[in-house]
Amino acid sequence: MSDLSSETLYEVVYDVRLSEGASGWELPINLRLSLPNGTVKERQISLFQKPRGEWIELNVGKFRTGKKGESSETQEVCFDLYEHGSHWKHGLVVRSAILRPKTLK
C-alpha cells in the first residue's frame, strides 16, 4: 500500500464483459476484498441479467488508507472474484482490475 495516497478512500472494481454466447451465469459469483486489519468484505452478484457484449464494472468494495507513516509499506489489500460451485461457466472476459480513488458525488 506504499504506492497509495494516505488518508484516501479507494474503490476496487473489475472491468468485465460477457461474450454473446456466455453461459452458466445463473448462479451468483462472489466478490471479496480483504484488508490489512483482517476485515473481509464479501458480496455476491448475479451476472445472469447483465448485458452481453458490453463492458461493465463490478464493484468489489471500498477501503480507506491510513495516515502517512502507519506501516502501510508492508500491508496488502487482496481482492478476488470466484464461484465454488460445480456449475461450469464460460464467456467472461476480464479486461482489468482497477484500484482507484473514490470520487464523492
PDB file of N, CA and C in Angstrom:
ATOM      1  N   MET A   1       0.814  -1.198   0.000  1.00  0.00           N
ATOM      2  CA  MET A   1       0.000   0.000   0.000  1.00  0.00           C
ATOM      3  C   MET A   1       0.853   1.257   0.000  1.00  0.00           C
ATOM      4  N   SER A   2       2.153   1.098  -0.062  1.00  0.00           N
ATOM      5  CA  SER A   2       3.027   2.269  -0.026  1.00  0.00           C
ATOM      6  C   SER A   2       2.863   3.149  -1.260  1.00  0.00           C
ATOM      7  N   ASP A   3       2.321   2.614  -2.345  1.00  0.00           N
ATOM      8  CA  ASP A   3       2.128   3.404  -3.559  1.00  0.00           C
ATOM      9  C   ASP A   3       0.815   4.186  -3.551  1.00  0.00           C
ATOM     10  N   LEU A   4      -0.002   3.988  -2.532  1.00  0.00           N
ATOM     11  CA  LEU A   4      -1.294   4.670  -2.448  1.00  0.00           C
ATOM     12  C   LEU A   4      -1.181   5.938  -1.617  1.00  0.00           C
ATOM     13  N   SER A   5      -2.041   6.888  -1.900  1.00  0.00           N
ATOM     14  CA  SER A   5      -2.065   8.133  -1.127  1.00  0.00           C
ATOM     15  C   SER A   5      -2.644   7.866   0.253  1.00  0.00           C
ATOM     16  N   SER A   6      -2.094   8.529   1.256  1.00  0.00           N
ATOM     17  CA  SER A   6      -2.584   8.344   2.617  1.00  0.00           C
ATOM     18  C   SER A   6      -3.932   9.039   2.814  1.00  0.00           C
ATOM     19  N   GLU A   7      -4.696   8.526   3.765  1.00  0.00           N
ATOM     20  CA  GLU A   7      -5.996   9.065   4.147  1.00  0.00           C
ATOM     21  C   GLU A   7      -6.910   9.315   2.938  1.00  0.00           C
ATOM     22  N   THR A   8      -6.980   8.304   2.078  1.00  0.00           N
ATOM     23  CA  THR A   8      -7.778   8.402   0.845  1.00  0.00           C
ATOM     24  C   THR A   8      -8.731   7.220   0.756  1.00  0.00           C
ATOM     25  N   LEU A   9      -9.953   7.485   0.311  1.00  0.00           N
ATOM     26  CA  LEU A   9     -10.931   6.423   0.087  1.00  0.00           C
ATOM     27  C   LEU A   9     -10.699   5.857  -1.316  1.00  0.00           C
ATOM     28  N   TYR A  10     -10.509   4.542  -1.391  1.00  0.00           N
ATOM     29  CA  TYR A  10     -10.297   3.851  -2.660  1.00  0.00           C
ATOM     30  C   TYR A  10     -11.435   2.878  -2.918  1.00  0.00           C
ATOM     31  N   GLU A  11     -11.665   2.579  -4.194  1.00  0.00           N
ATOM     32  CA  GLU A  11     -12.606   1.539  -4.571  1.00  0.00           C
ATOM     33  C   GLU A  11     -11.889   0.552  -5.486  1.00  0.00           C
ATOM     34  N   VAL A  12     -12.351  -0.696  -5.431  1.00  0.00           N
ATOM     35  CA  VAL A  12     -11.813  -1.752  -6.273  1.00  0.00           C
ATOM     36  C   VAL A  12     -12.937  -2.231  -7.178  1.00  0.00           C
ATOM     37  N   VAL A  13     -12.683  -2.261  -8.483  1.00  0.00           N
ATOM     38  CA  VAL A  13     -13.678  -2.739  -9.447  1.00  0.00           C
ATOM     39  C   VAL A  13     -12.999  -3.646 -10.474  1.00  0.00           C
ATOM     40  N   TYR A  14     -13.780  -4.565 -11.005  1.00  0.00           N
ATOM     41  CA  TYR A  14     -13.358  -5.356 -12.157  1.00  0.00           C
ATOM     42  C   TYR A  14     -14.074  -4.815 -13.379  1.00  0.00           C
ATOM     43  N   ASP A  15     -13.357  -4.663 -14.471  1.00  0.00           N
ATOM     44  CA  ASP A  15     -13.923  -4.245 -15.746  1.00  0.00           C
ATOM     45  C   ASP A  15     -14.081  -5.517 -16.576  1.00  0.00           C
ATOM     46  N   VAL A  16     -15.322  -5.948 -16.791  1.00  0.00           N
ATOM     47  CA  VAL A  16     -15.583  -7.247 -17.419  1.00  0.00           C
ATOM     48  C   VAL A  16     -16.596  -7.130 -18.549  1.00  0.00           C
ATOM     49  N   ARG A  17     -16.634  -8.175 -19.353  1.00  0.00           N
ATOM     50  CA  ARG A  17     -17.625  -8.281 -20.425  1.00  0.00           C
ATOM     51  C   ARG A  17     -18.037  -9.744 -20.536  1.00  0.00           C
ATOM     52  N   LEU A  18     -19.322  -9.976 -20.701  1.00  0.00           N
ATOM     53  CA  LEU A  18     -19.831 -11.307 -21.015  1.00  0.00           C
ATOM     54  C   LEU A  18     -19.967 -11.395 -22.526  1.00  0.00           C
ATOM     55  N   SER A  19     -19.377 -12.423 -23.114  1.00  0.00           N
ATOM     56  CA  SER A  19     -19.482 -12.593 -24.567  1.00  0.00           C
ATOM     57  C   SER A  19     -20.920 -12.930 -24.938  1.00  0.00           C
ATOM     58  N   GLU A  20     -21.237 -12.781 -26.206  1.00  0.00           N
ATOM     59  CA  GLU A  20     -22.605 -13.039 -26.675  1.00  0.00           C
ATOM     60  C   GLU A  20     -23.049 -14.462 -26.356  1.00  0.00           C
ATOM     61  N   GLY A  21     -22.154 -15.419 -26.410  1.00  0.00           N
ATOM     62  CA  GLY A  21     -22.503 -16.809 -26.141  1.00  0.00           C
ATOM     63  C   GLY A  21     -22.232 -17.253 -24.716  1.00  0.00           C
ATOM     64  N   ALA A  22     -22.048 -16.316 -23.795  1.00  0.00           N
ATOM     65  CA  ALA A  22     -21.740 -16.659 -22.403  1.00  0.00           C
ATOM     66  C   ALA A  22     -22.858 -17.497 -21.803  1.00  0.00           C
ATOM     67  N   SER A  23     -22.465 -18.476 -20.989  1.00  0.00           N
ATOM     68  CA  SER A  23     -23.476 -19.297 -20.334  1.00  0.00           C
ATOM     69  C   SER A  23     -22.970 -19.773 -18.981  1.00  0.00           C
ATOM     70  N   GLY A  24     -23.904 -20.236 -18.166  1.00  0.00           N
ATOM     71  CA  GLY A  24     -23.553 -20.744 -16.844  1.00  0.00           C
ATOM     72  C   GLY A  24     -23.590 -19.696 -15.748  1.00  0.00           C
ATOM     73  N   TRP A  25     -24.114 -18.532 -16.046  1.00  0.00           N
ATOM     74  CA  TRP A  25     -24.079 -17.418 -15.097  1.00  0.00           C
ATOM     75  C   TRP A  25     -25.373 -17.268 -14.302  1.00  0.00           C
ATOM     76  N   GLU A  26     -26.163 -18.348 -14.223  1.00  0.00           N
ATOM     77  CA  GLU A  26     -27.412 -18.309 -13.478  1.00  0.00           C
ATOM     78  C   GLU A  26     -27.183 -18.156 -11.974  1.00  0.00           C
ATOM     79  N   LEU A  27     -26.092 -18.742 -11.485  1.00  0.00           N
ATOM     80  CA  LEU A  27     -25.761 -18.640 -10.067  1.00  0.00           C
ATOM     81  C   LEU A  27     -24.859 -17.431  -9.829  1.00  0.00           C
ATOM     82  N   PRO A  28     -24.998 -16.775  -8.672  1.00  0.00           N
ATOM     83  CA  PRO A  28     -24.183 -15.587  -8.411  1.00  0.00           C
ATOM     84  C   PRO A  28     -22.708 -15.925  -8.195  1.00  0.00           C
ATOM     85  N   ILE A  29     -21.876 -14.939  -8.437  1.00  0.00           N
ATOM     86  CA  ILE A  29     -20.445 -15.046  -8.160  1.00  0.00           C
ATOM     87  C   ILE A  29     -20.152 -14.254  -6.896  1.00  0.00           C
ATOM     88  N   ASN A  30     -18.985 -14.501  -6.306  1.00  0.00           N
ATOM     89  CA  ASN A  30     -18.570 -13.816  -5.087  1.00  0.00           C
ATOM     90  C   ASN A  30     -17.473 -12.814  -5.409  1.00  0.00           C
ATOM     91  N   LEU A  31     -17.565 -11.652  -4.798  1.00  0.00           N
ATOM     92  CA  LEU A  31     -16.529 -10.623  -4.878  1.00  0.00           C
ATOM     93  C   LEU A  31     -16.039 -10.400  -3.457  1.00  0.00           C
ATOM     94  N   ARG A  32     -14.731 -10.468  -3.255  1.00  0.00           N
ATOM     95  CA  ARG A  32     -14.185 -10.373  -1.896  1.00  0.00           C
ATOM     96  C   ARG A  32     -13.039  -9.358  -1.849  1.00  0.00           C
ATOM     97  N   LEU A  33     -13.028  -8.564  -0.799  1.00  0.00           N
ATOM     98  CA  LEU A  33     -11.978  -7.587  -0.535  1.00  0.00           C
ATOM     99  C   LEU A  33     -11.447  -7.857   0.861  1.00  0.00           C
ATOM    100  N   SER A  34     -10.150  -8.170   0.974  1.00  0.00           N
ATOM    101  CA  SER A  34      -9.511  -8.455   2.263  1.00  0.00           C
ATOM    102  C   SER A  34      -8.554  -7.320   2.600  1.00  0.00           C
ATOM    103  N   LEU A  35      -8.747  -6.724   3.771  1.00  0.00           N
ATOM    104  CA  LEU A  35      -7.974  -5.551   4.183  1.00  0.00           C
ATOM    105  C   LEU A  35      -6.877  -5.919   5.174  1.00  0.00           C
ATOM    106  N   PRO A  36      -5.855  -5.075   5.305  1.00  0.00           N
ATOM    107  CA  PRO A  36      -4.724  -5.372   6.186  1.00  0.00           C
ATOM    108  C   PRO A  36      -5.106  -5.599   7.648  1.00  0.00           C
ATOM    109  N   ASN A  37      -6.198  -4.983   8.115  1.00  0.00           N
ATOM    110  CA  ASN A  37      -6.590  -5.140   9.519  1.00  0.00           C
ATOM    111  C   ASN A  37      -7.369  -6.425   9.769  1.00  0.00           C
ATOM    112  N   GLY A  38      -7.508  -7.266   8.741  1.00  0.00           N
ATOM    113  CA  GLY A  38      -8.211  -8.532   8.882  1.00  0.00           C
ATOM    114  C   GLY A  38      -9.670  -8.483   8.458  1.00  0.00           C
ATOM    115  N   THR A  39     -10.179  -7.297   8.182  1.00  0.00           N
ATOM    116  CA  THR A  39     -11.558  -7.166   7.727  1.00  0.00           C
ATOM    117  C   THR A  39     -11.711  -7.773   6.334  1.00  0.00           C
ATOM    118  N   VAL A  40     -12.762  -8.554   6.154  1.00  0.00           N
ATOM    119  CA  VAL A  40     -13.068  -9.131   4.845  1.00  0.00           C
ATOM    120  C   VAL A  40     -14.460  -8.670   4.455  1.00  0.00           C
ATOM    121  N   LYS A  41     -14.549  -8.012   3.320  1.00  0.00           N
ATOM    122  CA  LYS A  41     -15.833  -7.568   2.785  1.00  0.00           C
ATOM    123  C   LYS A  41     -16.160  -8.468   1.608  1.00  0.00           C
ATOM    124  N   GLU A  42     -17.320  -9.107   1.681  1.00  0.00           N
ATOM    125  CA  GLU A  42     -17.681 -10.051   0.633  1.00  0.00           C
ATOM    126  C   GLU A  42     -19.121  -9.795   0.212  1.00  0.00           C
ATOM    127  N   ARG A  43     -19.351  -9.923  -1.075  1.00  0.00           N
ATOM    128  CA  ARG A  43     -20.708  -9.755  -1.601  1.00  0.00           C
ATOM    129  C   ARG A  43     -20.907 -10.679  -2.783  1.00  0.00           C
ATOM    130  N   GLN A  44     -22.156 -10.948  -3.081  1.00  0.00           N
ATOM    131  CA  GLN A  44     -22.494 -11.762  -4.237  1.00  0.00           C
ATOM    132  C   GLN A  44     -23.197 -10.893  -5.263  1.00  0.00           C
ATOM    133  N   ILE A  45     -22.968 -11.228  -6.525  1.00  0.00           N
ATOM    134  CA  ILE A  45     -23.622 -10.509  -7.607  1.00  0.00           C
ATOM    135  C   ILE A  45     -23.991 -11.513  -8.706  1.00  0.00           C
ATOM    136  N   SER A  46     -25.142 -11.317  -9.282  1.00  0.00           N
ATOM    137  CA  SER A  46     -25.576 -12.172 -10.374  1.00  0.00           C
ATOM    138  C   SER A  46     -25.234 -11.494 -11.698  1.00  0.00           C
ATOM    139  N   LEU A  47     -24.619 -12.243 -12.583  1.00  0.00           N
ATOM    140  CA  LEU A  47     -24.299 -11.733 -13.916  1.00  0.00           C
ATOM    141  C   LEU A  47     -25.336 -12.181 -14.940  1.00  0.00           C
ATOM    142  N   PHE A  48     -26.299 -12.971 -14.493  1.00  0.00           N
ATOM    143  CA  PHE A  48     -27.270 -13.574 -15.399  1.00  0.00           C
ATOM    144  C   PHE A  48     -28.026 -12.537 -16.232  1.00  0.00           C
ATOM    145  N   GLN A  49     -28.458 -11.439 -15.625  1.00  0.00           N
ATOM    146  CA  GLN A  49     -29.236 -10.419 -16.326  1.00  0.00           C
ATOM    147  C   GLN A  49     -28.373  -9.282 -16.890  1.00  0.00           C
ATOM    148  N   LYS A  50     -27.064  -9.367 -16.703  1.00  0.00           N
ATOM    149  CA  LYS A  50     -26.176  -8.311 -17.217  1.00  0.00           C
ATOM    150  C   LYS A  50     -26.123  -8.376 -18.741  1.00  0.00           C
ATOM    151  N   PRO A  51     -25.936  -7.228 -19.381  1.00  0.00           N
ATOM    152  CA  PRO A  51     -25.907  -7.205 -20.854  1.00  0.00           C
ATOM    153  C   PRO A  51     -24.717  -7.987 -21.408  1.00  0.00           C
ATOM    154  N   ARG A  52     -24.921  -8.611 -22.544  1.00  0.00           N
ATOM    155  CA  ARG A  52     -23.861  -9.351 -23.231  1.00  0.00           C
ATOM    156  C   ARG A  52     -23.183  -8.415 -24.232  1.00  0.00           C
ATOM    157  N   GLY A  53     -21.869  -8.581 -24.382  1.00  0.00           N
ATOM    158  CA  GLY A  53     -21.126  -7.811 -25.363  1.00  0.00           C
ATOM    159  C   GLY A  53     -20.792  -6.388 -24.948  1.00  0.00           C
ATOM    160  N   GLU A  54     -21.076  -5.990 -23.714  1.00  0.00           N
ATOM    161  CA  GLU A  54     -20.777  -4.636 -23.229  1.00  0.00           C
ATOM    162  C   GLU A  54     -19.856  -4.721 -22.019  1.00  0.00           C
ATOM    163  N   TRP A  55     -18.931  -3.765 -21.917  1.00  0.00           N
ATOM    164  CA  TRP A  55     -18.052  -3.708 -20.760  1.00  0.00           C
ATOM    165  C   TRP A  55     -18.842  -3.141 -19.579  1.00  0.00           C
ATOM    166  N   ILE A  56     -18.733  -3.803 -18.437  1.00  0.00           N
ATOM    167  CA  ILE A  56     -19.411  -3.344 -17.222  1.00  0.00           C
ATOM    168  C   ILE A  56     -18.411  -3.397 -16.067  1.00  0.00           C
ATOM    169  N   GLU A  57     -18.675  -2.624 -15.039  1.00  0.00           N
ATOM    170  CA  GLU A  57     -17.831  -2.632 -13.857  1.00  0.00           C
ATOM    171  C   GLU A  57     -18.530  -3.375 -12.734  1.00  0.00           C
ATOM    172  N   LEU A  58     -17.777  -4.270 -12.094  1.00  0.00           N
ATOM    173  CA  LEU A  58     -18.262  -4.984 -10.916  1.00  0.00           C
ATOM    174  C   LEU A  58     -17.560  -4.392  -9.708  1.00  0.00           C
ATOM    175  N   ASN A  59     -18.303  -3.770  -8.824  1.00  0.00           N
ATOM    176  CA  ASN A  59     -17.722  -3.117  -7.653  1.00  0.00           C
ATOM    177  C   ASN A  59     -17.431  -4.157  -6.577  1.00  0.00           C
ATOM    178  N   VAL A  60     -16.155  -4.292  -6.228  1.00  0.00           N
ATOM    179  CA  VAL A  60     -15.738  -5.246  -5.206  1.00  0.00           C
ATOM    180  C   VAL A  60     -15.930  -4.640  -3.824  1.00  0.00           C
ATOM    181  N   GLY A  61     -15.533  -3.378  -3.640  1.00  0.00           N
ATOM    182  CA  GLY A  61     -15.667  -2.730  -2.347  1.00  0.00           C
ATOM    183  C   GLY A  61     -14.802  -1.492  -2.242  1.00  0.00           C
ATOM    184  N   LYS A  62     -14.857  -0.878  -1.056  1.00  0.00           N
ATOM    185  CA  LYS A  62     -14.111   0.351  -0.781  1.00  0.00           C
ATOM    186  C   LYS A  62     -13.285   0.177   0.481  1.00  0.00           C
ATOM    187  N   PHE A  63     -12.211   0.945   0.571  1.00  0.00           N
ATOM    188  CA  PHE A  63     -11.402   0.980   1.790  1.00  0.00           C
ATOM    189  C   PHE A  63     -10.690   2.322   1.871  1.00  0.00           C
ATOM    190  N   ARG A  64     -10.316   2.684   3.080  1.00  0.00           N
ATOM    191  CA  ARG A  64      -9.612   3.947   3.308  1.00  0.00           C
ATOM    192  C   ARG A  64      -8.198   3.638   3.792  1.00  0.00           C
ATOM    193  N   THR A  65      -7.224   4.338   3.200  1.00  0.00           N
ATOM    194  CA  THR A  65      -5.841   4.179   3.641  1.00  0.00           C
ATOM    195  C   THR A  65      -5.622   4.980   4.915  1.00  0.00           C
ATOM    196  N   GLY A  66      -4.620   4.576   5.688  1.00  0.00           N
ATOM    197  CA  GLY A  66      -4.321   5.236   6.950  1.00  0.00           C
ATOM    198  C   GLY A  66      -3.472   6.476   6.759  1.00  0.00           C
ATOM    199  N   LYS A  67      -3.090   7.038   7.903  1.00  0.00           N
ATOM    200  CA  LYS A  67      -2.229   8.225   7.889  1.00  0.00           C
ATOM    201  C   LYS A  67      -0.832   7.834   7.439  1.00  0.00           C
ATOM    202  N   LYS A  68      -0.133   8.795   6.895  1.00  0.00           N
ATOM    203  CA  LYS A  68       1.234   8.564   6.417  1.00  0.00           C
ATOM    204  C   LYS A  68       2.097   8.079   7.584  1.00  0.00           C
ATOM    205  N   GLY A  69       2.889   7.040   7.317  1.00  0.00           N
ATOM    206  CA  GLY A  69       3.784   6.514   8.335  1.00  0.00           C
ATOM    207  C   GLY A  69       3.165   5.455   9.230  1.00  0.00           C
ATOM    208  N   GLU A  70       1.967   4.992   8.926  1.00  0.00           N
ATOM    209  CA  GLU A  70       1.320   3.960   9.743  1.00  0.00           C
ATOM    210  C   GLU A  70       1.656   2.563   9.224  1.00  0.00           C
ATOM    211  N   SER A  71       2.899   2.279   8.975  1.00  0.00           N
ATOM    212  CA  SER A  71       3.404   0.984   8.495  1.00  0.00           C
ATOM    213  C   SER A  71       2.635   0.428   7.305  1.00  0.00           C
ATOM    214  N   SER A  72       2.143   1.316   6.435  1.00  0.00           N
ATOM    215  CA  SER A  72       1.383   0.861   5.265  1.00  0.00           C
ATOM    216  C   SER A  72       2.285   0.280   4.178  1.00  0.00           C
ATOM    217  N   GLU A  73       3.601   0.445   4.312  1.00  0.00           N
ATOM    218  CA  GLU A  73       4.509  -0.048   3.274  1.00  0.00           C
ATOM    219  C   GLU A  73       4.461  -1.565   3.158  1.00  0.00           C
ATOM    220  N   THR A  74       4.175  -2.272   4.240  1.00  0.00           N
ATOM    221  CA  THR A  74       4.196  -3.731   4.220  1.00  0.00           C
ATOM    222  C   THR A  74       2.793  -4.333   4.199  1.00  0.00           C
ATOM    223  N   GLN A  75       1.769  -3.516   4.175  1.00  0.00           N
ATOM    224  CA  GLN A  75       0.403  -4.028   4.200  1.00  0.00           C
ATOM    225  C   GLN A  75      -0.101  -4.313   2.795  1.00  0.00           C
ATOM    226  N   GLU A  76      -1.015  -5.275   2.709  1.00  0.00           N
ATOM    227  CA  GLU A  76      -1.576  -5.648   1.423  1.00  0.00           C
ATOM    228  C   GLU A  76      -3.090  -5.604   1.456  1.00  0.00           C
ATOM    229  N   VAL A  77      -3.663  -5.272   0.325  1.00  0.00           N
ATOM    230  CA  VAL A  77      -5.096  -5.368   0.099  1.00  0.00           C
ATOM    231  C   VAL A  77      -5.274  -6.446  -0.965  1.00  0.00           C
ATOM    232  N   CYS A  78      -6.114  -7.436  -0.686  1.00  0.00           N
ATOM    233  CA  CYS A  78      -6.347  -8.524  -1.632  1.00  0.00           C
ATOM    234  C   CYS A  78      -7.795  -8.490  -2.096  1.00  0.00           C
ATOM    235  N   PHE A  79      -8.012  -8.806  -3.353  1.00  0.00           N
ATOM    236  CA  PHE A  79      -9.376  -8.858  -3.866  1.00  0.00           C
ATOM    237  C   PHE A  79      -9.483  -9.981  -4.882  1.00  0.00           C
ATOM    238  N   ASP A  80     -10.657 -10.605  -4.911  1.00  0.00           N
ATOM    239  CA  ASP A  80     -10.849 -11.699  -5.853  1.00  0.00           C
ATOM    240  C   ASP A  80     -12.309 -11.854  -6.257  1.00  0.00           C
ATOM    241  N   LEU A  81     -12.476 -12.605  -7.328  1.00  0.00           N
ATOM    242  CA  LEU A  81     -13.767 -12.915  -7.918  1.00  0.00           C
ATOM    243  C   LEU A  81     -13.788 -14.430  -8.047  1.00  0.00           C
ATOM    244  N   TYR A  82     -14.813 -15.082  -7.500  1.00  0.00           N
ATOM    245  CA  TYR A  82     -14.827 -16.541  -7.553  1.00  0.00           C
ATOM    246  C   TYR A  82     -16.241 -17.097  -7.404  1.00  0.00           C
ATOM    247  N   GLU A  83     -16.356 -18.391  -7.721  1.00  0.00           N
ATOM    248  CA  GLU A  83     -17.588 -19.150  -7.501  1.00  0.00           C
ATOM    249  C   GLU A  83     -17.149 -20.587  -7.297  1.00  0.00           C
ATOM    250  N   HIS A  84     -17.547 -21.193  -6.176  1.00  0.00           N
ATOM    251  CA  HIS A  84     -17.056 -22.523  -5.820  1.00  0.00           C
ATOM    252  C   HIS A  84     -18.010 -23.658  -6.166  1.00  0.00           C
ATOM    253  N   GLY A  85     -19.016 -23.399  -6.949  1.00  0.00           N
ATOM    254  CA  GLY A  85     -19.959 -24.460  -7.309  1.00  0.00           C
ATOM    255  C   GLY A  85     -19.413 -25.344  -8.409  1.00  0.00           C
ATOM    256  N   SER A  86     -20.171 -26.345  -8.733  1.00  0.00           N
ATOM    257  CA  SER A  86     -19.753 -27.265  -9.799  1.00  0.00           C
ATOM    258  C   SER A  86     -20.428 -26.894 -11.118  1.00  0.00           C
ATOM    259  N   HIS A  87     -20.997 -25.717 -11.166  1.00  0.00           N
ATOM    260  CA  HIS A  87     -21.710 -25.246 -12.355  1.00  0.00           C
ATOM    261  C   HIS A  87     -20.714 -24.589 -13.312  1.00  0.00           C
ATOM    262  N   TRP A  88     -20.464 -25.196 -14.458  1.00  0.00           N
ATOM    263  CA  TRP A  88     -19.493 -24.677 -15.421  1.00  0.00           C
ATOM    264  C   TRP A  88     -19.960 -23.360 -16.018  1.00  0.00           C
ATOM    265  N   LYS A  89     -19.010 -22.463 -16.232  1.00  0.00           N
ATOM    266  CA  LYS A  89     -19.283 -21.154 -16.803  1.00  0.00           C
ATOM    267  C   LYS A  89     -18.304 -20.897 -17.945  1.00  0.00           C
ATOM    268  N   HIS A  90     -18.722 -20.079 -18.891  1.00  0.00           N
ATOM    269  CA  HIS A  90     -17.770 -19.603 -19.894  1.00  0.00           C
ATOM    270  C   HIS A  90     -18.285 -18.299 -20.488  1.00  0.00           C
ATOM    271  N   GLY A  91     -17.344 -17.542 -21.052  1.00  0.00           N
ATOM    272  CA  GLY A  91     -17.708 -16.309 -21.722  1.00  0.00           C
ATOM    273  C   GLY A  91     -17.446 -15.040 -20.944  1.00  0.00           C
ATOM    274  N   LEU A  92     -16.744 -15.107 -19.811  1.00  0.00           N
ATOM    275  CA  LEU A  92     -16.414 -13.907 -19.052  1.00  0.00           C
ATOM    276  C   LEU A  92     -15.021 -13.438 -19.447  1.00  0.00           C
ATOM    277  N   VAL A  93     -14.915 -12.184 -19.888  1.00  0.00           N
ATOM    278  CA  VAL A  93     -13.635 -11.584 -20.244  1.00  0.00           C
ATOM    279  C   VAL A  93     -13.328 -10.511 -19.199  1.00  0.00           C
ATOM    280  N   VAL A  94     -12.189 -10.628 -18.540  1.00  0.00           N
ATOM    281  CA  VAL A  94     -11.768  -9.630 -17.560  1.00  0.00           C
ATOM    282  C   VAL A  94     -10.723  -8.748 -18.228  1.00  0.00           C
ATOM    283  N   ARG A  95     -11.088  -7.486 -18.462  1.00  0.00           N
ATOM    284  CA  ARG A  95     -10.161  -6.552 -19.102  1.00  0.00           C
ATOM    285  C   ARG A  95      -9.167  -6.003 -18.085  1.00  0.00           C
ATOM    286  N   SER A  96      -9.659  -5.723 -16.857  1.00  0.00           N
ATOM    287  CA  SER A  96      -8.758  -5.177 -15.853  1.00  0.00           C
ATOM    288  C   SER A  96      -9.378  -5.232 -14.469  1.00  0.00           C
ATOM    289  N   ALA A  97      -8.510  -5.183 -13.492  1.00  0.00           N
ATOM    290  CA  ALA A  97      -8.901  -4.958 -12.100  1.00  0.00           C
ATOM    291  C   ALA A  97      -8.395  -3.558 -11.786  1.00  0.00           C
ATOM    292  N   ILE A  98      -9.265  -2.718 -11.254  1.00  0.00           N
ATOM    293  CA  ILE A  98      -8.942  -1.305 -11.077  1.00  0.00           C
ATOM    294  C   ILE A  98      -8.997  -0.929  -9.605  1.00  0.00           C
ATOM    295  N   LEU A  99      -7.959  -0.274  -9.148  1.00  0.00           N
ATOM    296  CA  LEU A  99      -7.884   0.284  -7.805  1.00  0.00           C
ATOM    297  C   LEU A  99      -7.747   1.780  -7.993  1.00  0.00           C
ATOM    298  N   ARG A 100      -8.781   2.548  -7.593  1.00  0.00           N
ATOM    299  CA  ARG A 100      -8.766   3.984  -7.877  1.00  0.00           C
ATOM    300  C   ARG A 100      -9.352   4.767  -6.715  1.00  0.00           C
ATOM    301  N   PRO A 101      -8.929   6.032  -6.582  1.00  0.00           N
ATOM    302  CA  PRO A 101      -9.540   6.884  -5.559  1.00  0.00           C
ATOM    303  C   PRO A 101     -11.030   7.034  -5.837  1.00  0.00           C
ATOM    304  N   LYS A 102     -11.822   6.952  -4.795  1.00  0.00           N
ATOM    305  CA  LYS A 102     -13.277   7.078  -4.935  1.00  0.00           C
ATOM    306  C   LYS A 102     -13.632   8.550  -4.908  1.00  0.00           C
ATOM    307  N   THR A 103     -14.311   8.999  -5.958  1.00  0.00           N
ATOM    308  CA  THR A 103     -14.731  10.396  -6.011  1.00  0.00           C
ATOM    309  C   THR A 103     -16.101  10.522  -5.365  1.00  0.00           C
ATOM    310  N   LEU A 104     -16.294  11.575  -4.639  1.00  0.00           N
ATOM    311  CA  LEU A 104     -17.576  11.831  -3.999  1.00  0.00           C
ATOM    312  C   LEU A 104     -18.511  12.474  -4.994  1.00  0.00           C
ATOM    313  N   LYS A 105     -19.758  11.985  -5.021  1.00  0.00           N
ATOM    314  CA  LYS A 105     -20.739  12.528  -5.970  1.00  0.00           C
ATOM    315  C   LYS A 105     -21.807  13.288  -5.243  1.00  0.00           C
TER     316      LYS A 105
END
